[in-house]
């Protein structure tokens, strides 16, 4: 095979828009290419931010709920009976 150049495909999240390039370009912020071999910036599509945010936020909300629930059971953050009587 004379004259043939070995090419690597772009990794997911990147694209290579020049033939035989050894440099891949990262998709623009907020976009992503999930496949190998993207060859143009248009192959990078908008990320599903809401889905990713939910994956991050859900465990945090669970922890906060547990802390708040534990606080109400132990009396943390509650006024004492003396404070209630003063009012």
PDB file of N, CA and C in Angstrom:
ATOM      1  N   UNK A   1       0.825  -1.163   0.000  1.00  0.00           N
ATOM      2  CA  UNK A   1       0.000   0.000   0.000  1.00  0.00           C
ATOM      3  C   UNK A   1       0.884   1.247   0.000  1.00  0.00           C
ATOM      4  N   UNK A   2       1.216   1.710  -1.107  1.00  0.00           N
ATOM      5  CA  UNK A   2       2.084   2.867  -1.240  1.00  0.00           C
ATOM      6  C   UNK A   2       1.282   4.156  -1.127  1.00  0.00           C
ATOM      7  N   UNK A   3       1.811   5.119  -0.365  1.00  0.00           N
ATOM      8  CA  UNK A   3       1.203   6.428  -0.257  1.00  0.00           C
ATOM      9  C   UNK A   3       0.022   6.516   0.686  1.00  0.00           C
ATOM     10  N   UNK A   4      -0.351   5.414   1.295  1.00  0.00           N
ATOM     11  CA  UNK A   4      -1.498   5.463   2.196  1.00  0.00           C
ATOM     12  C   UNK A   4      -1.039   5.901   3.583  1.00  0.00           C
ATOM     13  N   UNK A   5      -1.803   6.759   4.196  1.00  0.00           N
ATOM     14  CA  UNK A   5      -1.493   7.260   5.528  1.00  0.00           C
ATOM     15  C   UNK A   5      -2.445   6.598   6.515  1.00  0.00           C
ATOM     16  N   UNK A   6      -1.881   6.132   7.609  1.00  0.00           N
ATOM     17  CA  UNK A   6      -2.700   5.547   8.664  1.00  0.00           C
ATOM     18  C   UNK A   6      -3.414   6.659   9.410  1.00  0.00           C
ATOM     19  N   UNK A   7      -4.722   6.573   9.504  1.00  0.00           N
ATOM     20  CA  UNK A   7      -5.515   7.609  10.168  1.00  0.00           C
ATOM     21  C   UNK A   7      -6.190   7.045  11.403  1.00  0.00           C
ATOM     22  N   UNK A   8      -6.220   7.844  12.441  1.00  0.00           N
ATOM     23  CA  UNK A   8      -6.966   7.496  13.641  1.00  0.00           C
ATOM     24  C   UNK A   8      -8.267   8.269  13.621  1.00  0.00           C
ATOM     25  N   UNK A   9      -9.327   7.627  14.093  1.00  0.00           N
ATOM     26  CA  UNK A   9     -10.614   8.301  14.165  1.00  0.00           C
ATOM     27  C   UNK A   9     -10.649   9.233  15.375  1.00  0.00           C
ATOM     28  N   UNK A  10     -11.463  10.256  15.288  1.00  0.00           N
ATOM     29  CA  UNK A  10     -11.645  11.164  16.419  1.00  0.00           C
ATOM     30  C   UNK A  10     -12.329  10.418  17.561  1.00  0.00           C
ATOM     31  N   UNK A  11     -11.934  10.737  18.765  1.00  0.00           N
ATOM     32  CA  UNK A  11     -12.545  10.153  19.954  1.00  0.00           C
ATOM     33  C   UNK A  11     -13.898  10.819  20.211  1.00  0.00           C
ATOM     34  N   UNK A  12     -14.782  10.160  20.967  1.00  0.00           N
ATOM     35  CA  UNK A  12     -16.036  10.811  21.343  1.00  0.00           C
ATOM     36  C   UNK A  12     -15.741  12.130  22.058  1.00  0.00           C
ATOM     37  N   UNK A  13     -16.503  13.172  21.707  1.00  0.00           N
ATOM     38  CA  UNK A  13     -16.281  14.487  22.291  1.00  0.00           C
ATOM     39  C   UNK A  13     -15.354  15.358  21.458  1.00  0.00           C
ATOM     40  N   UNK A  14     -14.843  14.782  20.359  1.00  0.00           N
ATOM     41  CA  UNK A  14     -13.909  15.489  19.483  1.00  0.00           C
ATOM     42  C   UNK A  14     -14.294  15.266  18.028  1.00  0.00           C
ATOM     43  N   UNK A  15     -13.704  16.053  17.133  1.00  0.00           N
ATOM     44  CA  UNK A  15     -13.857  15.845  15.702  1.00  0.00           C
ATOM     45  C   UNK A  15     -12.538  16.186  15.018  1.00  0.00           C
ATOM     46  N   UNK A  16     -12.332  15.618  13.832  1.00  0.00           N
ATOM     47  CA  UNK A  16     -11.148  15.908  13.017  1.00  0.00           C
ATOM     48  C   UNK A  16     -11.670  16.368  11.667  1.00  0.00           C
ATOM     49  N   UNK A  17     -11.445  17.654  11.346  1.00  0.00           N
ATOM     50  CA  UNK A  17     -12.016  18.203  10.117  1.00  0.00           C
ATOM     51  C   UNK A  17     -11.021  18.338   8.967  1.00  0.00           C
ATOM     52  N   UNK A  18      -9.808  17.857   9.167  1.00  0.00           N
ATOM     53  CA  UNK A  18      -8.797  17.906   8.113  1.00  0.00           C
ATOM     54  C   UNK A  18      -8.302  16.499   7.829  1.00  0.00           C
ATOM     55  N   UNK A  19      -8.313  16.118   6.582  1.00  0.00           N
ATOM     56  CA  UNK A  19      -7.870  14.780   6.195  1.00  0.00           C
ATOM     57  C   UNK A  19      -6.421  14.545   6.622  1.00  0.00           C
ATOM     58  N   UNK A  20      -6.160  13.418   7.195  1.00  0.00           N
ATOM     59  CA  UNK A  20      -4.836  12.971   7.637  1.00  0.00           C
ATOM     60  C   UNK A  20      -4.281  13.792   8.798  1.00  0.00           C
ATOM     61  N   UNK A  21      -5.139  14.528   9.488  1.00  0.00           N
ATOM     62  CA  UNK A  21      -4.693  15.321  10.635  1.00  0.00           C
ATOM     63  C   UNK A  21      -4.420  14.416  11.818  1.00  0.00           C
ATOM     64  N   UNK A  22      -3.429  14.767  12.586  1.00  0.00           N
ATOM     65  CA  UNK A  22      -3.135  14.012  13.811  1.00  0.00           C
ATOM     66  C   UNK A  22      -3.692  14.746  15.039  1.00  0.00           C
ATOM     67  N   UNK A  23      -4.325  15.889  14.801  1.00  0.00           N
ATOM     68  CA  UNK A  23      -4.878  16.696  15.884  1.00  0.00           C
ATOM     69  C   UNK A  23      -6.404  16.642  15.823  1.00  0.00           C
ATOM     70  N   UNK A  24      -7.009  16.336  16.944  1.00  0.00           N
ATOM     71  CA  UNK A  24      -8.467  16.361  17.016  1.00  0.00           C
ATOM     72  C   UNK A  24      -8.895  17.583  17.801  1.00  0.00           C
ATOM     73  N   UNK A  25     -10.043  18.125  17.451  1.00  0.00           N
ATOM     74  CA  UNK A  25     -10.571  19.337  18.067  1.00  0.00           C
ATOM     75  C   UNK A  25     -11.718  18.972  18.990  1.00  0.00           C
ATOM     76  N   UNK A  26     -11.687  19.521  20.202  1.00  0.00           N
ATOM     77  CA  UNK A  26     -12.763  19.242  21.156  1.00  0.00           C
ATOM     78  C   UNK A  26     -14.042  19.939  20.703  1.00  0.00           C
ATOM     79  N   UNK A  27     -15.161  19.262  20.891  1.00  0.00           N
ATOM     80  CA  UNK A  27     -16.456  19.868  20.573  1.00  0.00           C
ATOM     81  C   UNK A  27     -16.645  21.126  21.414  1.00  0.00           C
ATOM     82  N   UNK A  28     -17.384  22.077  20.876  1.00  0.00           N
ATOM     83  CA  UNK A  28     -17.632  23.334  21.570  1.00  0.00           C
ATOM     84  C   UNK A  28     -18.342  23.081  22.901  1.00  0.00           C
ATOM     85  N   UNK A  29     -18.164  24.006  23.839  1.00  0.00           N
ATOM     86  CA  UNK A  29     -18.797  23.889  25.151  1.00  0.00           C
ATOM     87  C   UNK A  29     -20.308  23.726  24.986  1.00  0.00           C
ATOM     88  N   UNK A  30     -20.863  22.757  25.696  1.00  0.00           N
ATOM     89  CA  UNK A  30     -22.296  22.508  25.629  1.00  0.00           C
ATOM     90  C   UNK A  30     -22.698  21.537  24.535  1.00  0.00           C
ATOM     91  N   UNK A  31     -21.708  21.059  23.756  1.00  0.00           N
ATOM     92  CA  UNK A  31     -21.998  20.071  22.703  1.00  0.00           C
ATOM     93  C   UNK A  31     -21.129  18.845  22.910  1.00  0.00           C
ATOM     94  N   UNK A  32     -21.512  17.757  22.245  1.00  0.00           N
ATOM     95  CA  UNK A  32     -20.786  16.509  22.408  1.00  0.00           C
ATOM     96  C   UNK A  32     -21.032  15.603  21.214  1.00  0.00           C
ATOM     97  N   UNK A  33     -20.003  14.893  20.811  1.00  0.00           N
ATOM     98  CA  UNK A  33     -20.135  13.862  19.785  1.00  0.00           C
ATOM     99  C   UNK A  33     -19.925  12.531  20.474  1.00  0.00           C
ATOM    100  N   UNK A  34     -20.927  11.688  20.487  1.00  0.00           N
ATOM    101  CA  UNK A  34     -20.824  10.430  21.219  1.00  0.00           C
ATOM    102  C   UNK A  34     -20.168   9.316  20.405  1.00  0.00           C
ATOM    103  N   UNK A  35     -19.934   9.564  19.143  1.00  0.00           N
ATOM    104  CA  UNK A  35     -19.373   8.524  18.280  1.00  0.00           C
ATOM    105  C   UNK A  35     -17.900   8.769  17.966  1.00  0.00           C
ATOM    106  N   UNK A  36     -17.212   7.700  17.643  1.00  0.00           N
ATOM    107  CA  UNK A  36     -15.848   7.801  17.125  1.00  0.00           C
ATOM    108  C   UNK A  36     -15.927   8.241  15.664  1.00  0.00           C
ATOM    109  N   UNK A  37     -14.943   9.002  15.214  1.00  0.00           N
ATOM    110  CA  UNK A  37     -14.845   9.338  13.805  1.00  0.00           C
ATOM    111  C   UNK A  37     -15.567  10.581  13.360  1.00  0.00           C
ATOM    112  N   UNK A  38     -15.981  11.452  14.274  1.00  0.00           N
ATOM    113  CA  UNK A  38     -16.642  12.695  13.868  1.00  0.00           C
ATOM    114  C   UNK A  38     -15.679  13.501  13.007  1.00  0.00           C
ATOM    115  N   UNK A  39     -16.193  14.049  11.899  1.00  0.00           N
ATOM    116  CA  UNK A  39     -15.315  14.718  10.949  1.00  0.00           C
ATOM    117  C   UNK A  39     -15.625  16.203  10.769  1.00  0.00           C
ATOM    118  N   UNK A  40     -16.575  16.722  11.538  1.00  0.00           N
ATOM    119  CA  UNK A  40     -16.946  18.115  11.383  1.00  0.00           C
ATOM    120  C   UNK A  40     -17.573  18.608  12.689  1.00  0.00           C
ATOM    121  N   UNK A  41     -17.473  19.908  12.933  1.00  0.00           N
ATOM    122  CA  UNK A  41     -18.060  20.479  14.145  1.00  0.00           C
ATOM    123  C   UNK A  41     -19.567  20.226  14.208  1.00  0.00           C
ATOM    124  N   UNK A  42     -20.203  20.091  13.060  1.00  0.00           N
ATOM    125  CA  UNK A  42     -21.647  19.845  13.044  1.00  0.00           C
ATOM    126  C   UNK A  42     -22.004  18.456  13.574  1.00  0.00           C
ATOM    127  N   UNK A  43     -20.995  17.584  13.706  1.00  0.00           N
ATOM    128  CA  UNK A  43     -21.227  16.262  14.295  1.00  0.00           C
ATOM    129  C   UNK A  43     -21.399  16.351  15.814  1.00  0.00           C
ATOM    130  N   UNK A  44     -21.025  17.488  16.386  1.00  0.00           N
ATOM    131  CA  UNK A  44     -21.178  17.718  17.817  1.00  0.00           C
ATOM    132  C   UNK A  44     -22.573  18.292  18.053  1.00  0.00           C
ATOM    133  N   UNK A  45     -23.356  17.589  18.824  1.00  0.00           N
ATOM    134  CA  UNK A  45     -24.729  18.019  19.079  1.00  0.00           C
ATOM    135  C   UNK A  45     -24.857  18.546  20.499  1.00  0.00           C
ATOM    136  N   UNK A  46     -25.913  19.317  20.735  1.00  0.00           N
ATOM    137  CA  UNK A  46     -26.137  19.910  22.047  1.00  0.00           C
ATOM    138  C   UNK A  46     -26.318  18.824  23.098  1.00  0.00           C
ATOM    139  N   UNK A  47     -25.635  18.992  24.217  1.00  0.00           N
ATOM    140  CA  UNK A  47     -25.759  18.040  25.317  1.00  0.00           C
ATOM    141  C   UNK A  47     -27.129  18.168  25.957  1.00  0.00           C
ATOM    142  N   UNK A  48     -27.615  17.073  26.505  1.00  0.00           N
ATOM    143  CA  UNK A  48     -28.864  17.083  27.257  1.00  0.00           C
ATOM    144  C   UNK A  48     -28.527  17.506  28.680  1.00  0.00           C
ATOM    145  N   UNK A  49     -28.426  18.818  28.896  1.00  0.00           N
ATOM    146  CA  UNK A  49     -27.982  19.372  30.166  1.00  0.00           C
ATOM    147  C   UNK A  49     -28.937  19.023  31.290  1.00  0.00           C
ATOM    148  N   UNK A  50     -30.227  19.064  31.031  1.00  0.00           N
ATOM    149  CA  UNK A  50     -31.191  18.797  32.086  1.00  0.00           C
ATOM    150  C   UNK A  50     -31.027  17.390  32.643  1.00  0.00           C
ATOM    151  N   UNK A  51     -30.791  16.434  31.789  1.00  0.00           N
ATOM    152  CA  UNK A  51     -30.616  15.052  32.219  1.00  0.00           C
ATOM    153  C   UNK A  51     -29.355  14.930  33.071  1.00  0.00           C
ATOM    154  N   UNK A  52     -28.252  15.530  32.611  1.00  0.00           N
ATOM    155  CA  UNK A  52     -27.006  15.464  33.357  1.00  0.00           C
ATOM    156  C   UNK A  52     -27.117  16.193  34.685  1.00  0.00           C
ATOM    157  N   UNK A  53     -27.806  17.306  34.717  1.00  0.00           N
ATOM    158  CA  UNK A  53     -27.977  18.066  35.947  1.00  0.00           C
ATOM    159  C   UNK A  53     -28.765  17.266  36.971  1.00  0.00           C
ATOM    160  N   UNK A  54     -29.787  16.582  36.522  1.00  0.00           N
ATOM    161  CA  UNK A  54     -30.601  15.783  37.430  1.00  0.00           C
ATOM    162  C   UNK A  54     -29.769  14.672  38.061  1.00  0.00           C
ATOM    163  N   UNK A  55     -28.895  14.073  37.289  1.00  0.00           N
ATOM    164  CA  UNK A  55     -28.039  13.009  37.806  1.00  0.00           C
ATOM    165  C   UNK A  55     -27.137  13.542  38.909  1.00  0.00           C
ATOM    166  N   UNK A  56     -26.702  14.775  38.787  1.00  0.00           N
ATOM    167  CA  UNK A  56     -25.827  15.382  39.789  1.00  0.00           C
ATOM    168  C   UNK A  56     -26.620  15.890  40.980  1.00  0.00           C
ATOM    169  N   UNK A  57     -27.765  16.517  40.733  1.00  0.00           N
ATOM    170  CA  UNK A  57     -28.530  17.167  41.788  1.00  0.00           C
ATOM    171  C   UNK A  57     -29.308  16.182  42.658  1.00  0.00           C
ATOM    172  N   UNK A  58     -29.826  15.113  42.088  1.00  0.00           N
ATOM    173  CA  UNK A  58     -30.678  14.179  42.838  1.00  0.00           C
ATOM    174  C   UNK A  58     -30.002  13.643  44.101  1.00  0.00           C
ATOM    175  N   UNK A  59     -28.763  13.137  44.035  1.00  0.00           N
ATOM    176  CA  UNK A  59     -28.143  12.637  45.279  1.00  0.00           C
ATOM    177  C   UNK A  59     -27.939  13.733  46.320  1.00  0.00           C
ATOM    178  N   UNK A  60     -27.670  14.948  45.879  1.00  0.00           N
ATOM    179  CA  UNK A  60     -27.488  16.065  46.806  1.00  0.00           C
ATOM    180  C   UNK A  60     -28.804  16.343  47.539  1.00  0.00           C
ATOM    181  N   UNK A  61     -29.906  16.317  46.802  1.00  0.00           N
ATOM    182  CA  UNK A  61     -31.210  16.548  47.429  1.00  0.00           C
ATOM    183  C   UNK A  61     -31.551  15.455  48.436  1.00  0.00           C
ATOM    184  N   UNK A  62     -31.165  14.238  48.154  1.00  0.00           N
ATOM    185  CA  UNK A  62     -31.412  13.135  49.083  1.00  0.00           C
ATOM    186  C   UNK A  62     -30.637  13.359  50.377  1.00  0.00           C
ATOM    187  N   UNK A  63     -29.381  13.749  50.270  1.00  0.00           N
ATOM    188  CA  UNK A  63     -28.555  13.994  51.449  1.00  0.00           C
ATOM    189  C   UNK A  63     -29.138  15.144  52.281  1.00  0.00           C
ATOM    190  N   UNK A  64     -29.533  16.219  51.618  1.00  0.00           N
ATOM    191  CA  UNK A  64     -30.121  17.357  52.335  1.00  0.00           C
ATOM    192  C   UNK A  64     -31.396  16.920  53.059  1.00  0.00           C
ATOM    193  N   UNK A  65     -32.213  16.123  52.400  1.00  0.00           N
ATOM    194  CA  UNK A  65     -33.456  15.641  53.022  1.00  0.00           C
ATOM    195  C   UNK A  65     -33.160  14.801  54.258  1.00  0.00           C
ATOM    196  N   UNK A  66     -32.159  13.957  54.173  1.00  0.00           N
ATOM    197  CA  UNK A  66     -31.789  13.103  55.312  1.00  0.00           C
ATOM    198  C   UNK A  66     -31.303  13.966  56.478  1.00  0.00           C
ATOM    199  N   UNK A  67     -30.489  14.972  56.176  1.00  0.00           N
ATOM    200  CA  UNK A  67     -29.985  15.862  57.227  1.00  0.00           C
ATOM    201  C   UNK A  67     -31.132  16.615  57.889  1.00  0.00           C
ATOM    202  N   UNK A  68     -32.045  17.132  57.079  1.00  0.00           N
ATOM    203  CA  UNK A  68     -33.178  17.862  57.646  1.00  0.00           C
ATOM    204  C   UNK A  68     -34.071  16.954  58.473  1.00  0.00           C
ATOM    205  N   UNK A  69     -34.310  15.750  57.990  1.00  0.00           N
ATOM    206  CA  UNK A  69     -35.138  14.801  58.727  1.00  0.00           C
ATOM    207  C   UNK A  69     -34.471  14.425  60.047  1.00  0.00           C
ATOM    208  N   UNK A  70     -33.170  14.191  60.013  1.00  0.00           N
ATOM    209  CA  UNK A  70     -32.443  13.850  61.242  1.00  0.00           C
ATOM    210  C   UNK A  70     -32.486  15.009  62.223  1.00  0.00           C
ATOM    211  N   UNK A  71     -32.397  16.229  61.725  1.00  0.00           N
ATOM    212  CA  UNK A  71     -32.445  17.409  62.587  1.00  0.00           C
ATOM    213  C   UNK A  71     -33.776  17.564  63.288  1.00  0.00           C
ATOM    214  N   UNK A  72     -34.860  17.255  62.608  1.00  0.00           N
ATOM    215  CA  UNK A  72     -36.180  17.395  63.245  1.00  0.00           C
ATOM    216  C   UNK A  72     -36.398  16.313  64.292  1.00  0.00           C
ATOM    217  N   UNK A  73     -35.812  15.160  64.111  1.00  0.00           N
ATOM    218  CA  UNK A  73     -35.972  14.085  65.086  1.00  0.00           C
ATOM    219  C   UNK A  73     -35.129  14.325  66.331  1.00  0.00           C
ATOM    220  N   UNK A  74     -34.008  15.029  66.194  1.00  0.00           N
ATOM    221  CA  UNK A  74     -33.132  15.272  67.342  1.00  0.00           C
ATOM    222  C   UNK A  74     -33.379  16.624  67.971  1.00  0.00           C
ATOM    223  N   UNK A  75     -34.227  17.436  67.364  1.00  0.00           N
ATOM    224  CA  UNK A  75     -34.534  18.746  67.924  1.00  0.00           C
ATOM    225  C   UNK A  75     -33.607  19.838  67.436  1.00  0.00           C
ATOM    226  N   UNK A  76     -32.692  19.520  66.575  1.00  0.00           N
ATOM    227  CA  UNK A  76     -31.783  20.533  66.038  1.00  0.00           C
ATOM    228  C   UNK A  76     -32.596  21.484  65.180  1.00  0.00           C
ATOM    229  N   UNK A  77     -32.411  22.766  65.408  1.00  0.00           N
ATOM    230  CA  UNK A  77     -33.117  23.754  64.611  1.00  0.00           C
ATOM    231  C   UNK A  77     -34.522  24.049  65.087  1.00  0.00           C
ATOM    232  N   UNK A  78     -34.933  23.436  66.179  1.00  0.00           N
ATOM    233  CA  UNK A  78     -36.266  23.687  66.727  1.00  0.00           C
ATOM    234  C   UNK A  78     -36.152  24.592  67.937  1.00  0.00           C
ATOM    235  N   UNK A  79     -37.156  25.399  68.144  1.00  0.00           N
ATOM    236  CA  UNK A  79     -37.165  26.266  69.323  1.00  0.00           C
ATOM    237  C   UNK A  79     -37.509  25.447  70.555  1.00  0.00           C
ATOM    238  N   UNK A  80     -36.981  25.877  71.671  1.00  0.00           N
ATOM    239  CA  UNK A  80     -37.296  25.166  72.907  1.00  0.00           C
ATOM    240  C   UNK A  80     -38.687  25.566  73.393  1.00  0.00           C
ATOM    241  N   UNK A  81     -39.230  24.814  74.347  1.00  0.00           N
ATOM    242  CA  UNK A  81     -40.540  25.129  74.908  1.00  0.00           C
ATOM    243  C   UNK A  81     -40.516  26.475  75.611  1.00  0.00           C
ATOM    244  N   UNK A  82     -39.392  26.841  76.238  1.00  0.00           N
ATOM    245  CA  UNK A  82     -39.282  28.119  76.946  1.00  0.00           C
ATOM    246  C   UNK A  82     -39.449  29.278  75.961  1.00  0.00           C
ATOM    247  N   UNK A  83     -38.861  29.147  74.763  1.00  0.00           N
ATOM    248  CA  UNK A  83     -38.970  30.204  73.759  1.00  0.00           C
ATOM    249  C   UNK A  83     -40.418  30.326  73.296  1.00  0.00           C
ATOM    250  N   UNK A  84     -41.130  29.198  73.182  1.00  0.00           N
ATOM    251  CA  UNK A  84     -42.521  29.207  72.768  1.00  0.00           C
ATOM    252  C   UNK A  84     -43.377  29.925  73.817  1.00  0.00           C
ATOM    253  N   UNK A  85     -43.085  29.724  75.121  1.00  0.00           N
ATOM    254  CA  UNK A  85     -43.880  30.304  76.192  1.00  0.00           C
ATOM    255  C   UNK A  85     -43.671  31.809  76.295  1.00  0.00           C
ATOM    256  N   UNK A  86     -42.464  32.290  75.932  1.00  0.00           N
ATOM    257  CA  UNK A  86     -42.159  33.714  76.021  1.00  0.00           C
ATOM    258  C   UNK A  86     -42.971  34.518  75.023  1.00  0.00           C
ATOM    259  N   UNK A  87     -43.377  33.931  73.944  1.00  0.00           N
ATOM    260  CA  UNK A  87     -44.096  34.671  72.900  1.00  0.00           C
ATOM    261  C   UNK A  87     -45.526  34.798  73.162  1.00  0.00           C
TER     262      UNK A  87
END
